[in-house]
Amino acid sequence: MADADAARPADQETLVADIDRTRAELARTIDAIADRVSPRNNARRAAQRIRQRAAQLDPILAAAAAAAAAVGLAAVIWWRRRRR
């Protein structure tokens, strides 16, 4: 019986350590879930992805796309005014 009592504190220490480790893992998991579902964090991540993609664009291609958009907008405005 004395041997069983001597082994018990080690088992309790192991259990307490396992509980603490599990609690810490659960806290990290909950924090990760909260971060993923947060609208503010999702908007921040989306804006960051857009900035990264914009930084990777070729400046000449971006200028050509902007010019095409401006010409298209001017054509739509001109066409609408002409119809009136």
Protein backbone atom coordinates (compact mmCIF):
# COMPACT_ATOMS: atom_id res chain seq x y z
CA MET A 1 0.00 0.00 0.00
CA ALA A 2 2.86 2.36 0.74
CA ASP A 3 4.12 1.90 -2.81
CA ALA A 4 0.72 2.85 -4.24
CA ASP A 5 0.67 6.06 -2.20
CA ALA A 6 4.18 6.93 -3.34
CA ALA A 7 3.17 6.45 -7.01
CA ARG A 8 0.01 8.49 -6.69
CA PRO A 9 1.60 11.99 -6.47
CA ALA A 10 3.58 11.35 -9.66
CA ASP A 11 0.37 10.32 -11.42
CA GLN A 12 -1.41 13.40 -10.09
CA GLU A 13 1.42 15.61 -11.28
CA THR A 14 1.22 13.96 -14.70
CA LEU A 15 -2.54 14.47 -14.79
CA VAL A 16 -2.23 18.11 -13.75
CA ALA A 17 0.44 18.66 -16.43
CA ASP A 18 -1.80 17.00 -19.04
CA ILE A 19 -4.77 19.12 -17.97
CA ASP A 20 -2.68 22.31 -18.16
CA ARG A 21 -1.34 21.35 -21.60
CA THR A 22 -4.84 20.53 -22.84
CA ARG A 23 -6.17 23.80 -21.44
CA ALA A 24 -3.43 25.76 -23.23
CA GLU A 25 -4.12 23.95 -26.52
CA LEU A 26 -7.84 24.63 -26.17
CA ALA A 27 -7.18 28.31 -25.50
CA ARG A 28 -5.00 28.53 -28.66
CA THR A 29 -7.70 26.77 -30.68
CA ILE A 30 -10.42 29.10 -29.43
CA ASP A 31 -8.23 32.15 -30.17
CA ALA A 32 -7.60 30.86 -33.71
CA ILE A 33 -11.32 30.30 -34.29
CA ALA A 34 -12.16 33.75 -32.94
CA ASP A 35 -9.55 35.28 -35.25
CA ARG A 36 -10.97 33.47 -38.29
CA VAL A 37 -14.58 34.53 -37.69
CA SER A 38 -13.86 38.12 -36.73
CA PRO A 39 -15.26 40.46 -39.43
CA ARG A 40 -12.62 43.09 -38.64
CA ASN A 41 -9.78 40.60 -39.05
CA ASN A 42 -11.32 39.18 -42.24
CA ALA A 43 -11.58 42.68 -43.73
CA ARG A 44 -7.99 43.42 -42.72
CA ARG A 45 -6.74 40.20 -44.31
CA ALA A 46 -8.71 40.88 -47.52
CA ALA A 47 -7.28 44.40 -47.76
CA GLN A 48 -3.79 43.02 -47.20
CA ARG A 49 -4.25 40.44 -50.00
CA ILE A 50 -5.44 43.20 -52.36
CA ARG A 51 -2.43 45.36 -51.49
CA GLN A 52 -0.08 42.44 -52.12
CA ARG A 53 -1.67 41.69 -55.50
CA ALA A 54 -1.58 45.36 -56.48
CA ALA A 55 2.11 45.50 -55.60
CA GLN A 56 2.78 42.54 -57.89
CA LEU A 57 1.13 44.15 -60.95
CA ASP A 58 3.29 45.32 -63.80
CA PRO A 59 3.12 49.16 -63.82
CA ILE A 60 2.68 49.30 -67.62
CA LEU A 61 -0.14 46.77 -67.51
CA ALA A 62 -1.80 48.66 -64.66
CA ALA A 63 -1.55 51.95 -66.59
CA ALA A 64 -3.04 50.31 -69.68
CA ALA A 65 -5.93 48.90 -67.65
CA ALA A 66 -6.58 52.28 -66.04
CA ALA A 67 -6.51 53.98 -69.46
CA ALA A 68 -8.93 51.40 -70.89
CA ALA A 69 -11.27 51.92 -67.93
CA ALA A 70 -11.13 55.71 -68.40
CA VAL A 71 -11.85 55.42 -72.13
CA GLY A 72 -14.73 53.05 -71.44
CA LEU A 73 -16.19 55.36 -68.81
CA ALA A 74 -15.88 58.36 -71.14
CA ALA A 75 -17.61 56.40 -73.91
CA VAL A 76 -20.51 55.47 -71.62
CA ILE A 77 -20.91 59.07 -70.45
CA TRP A 78 -20.78 60.35 -74.03
CA TRP A 79 -23.32 57.73 -75.19
CA ARG A 80 -25.74 58.56 -72.35
CA ARG A 81 -25.55 62.30 -72.99
CA ARG A 82 -26.09 61.77 -76.70
CA ARG A 83 -29.26 59.75 -76.07
CA ARG A 84 -30.87 62.64 -74.18
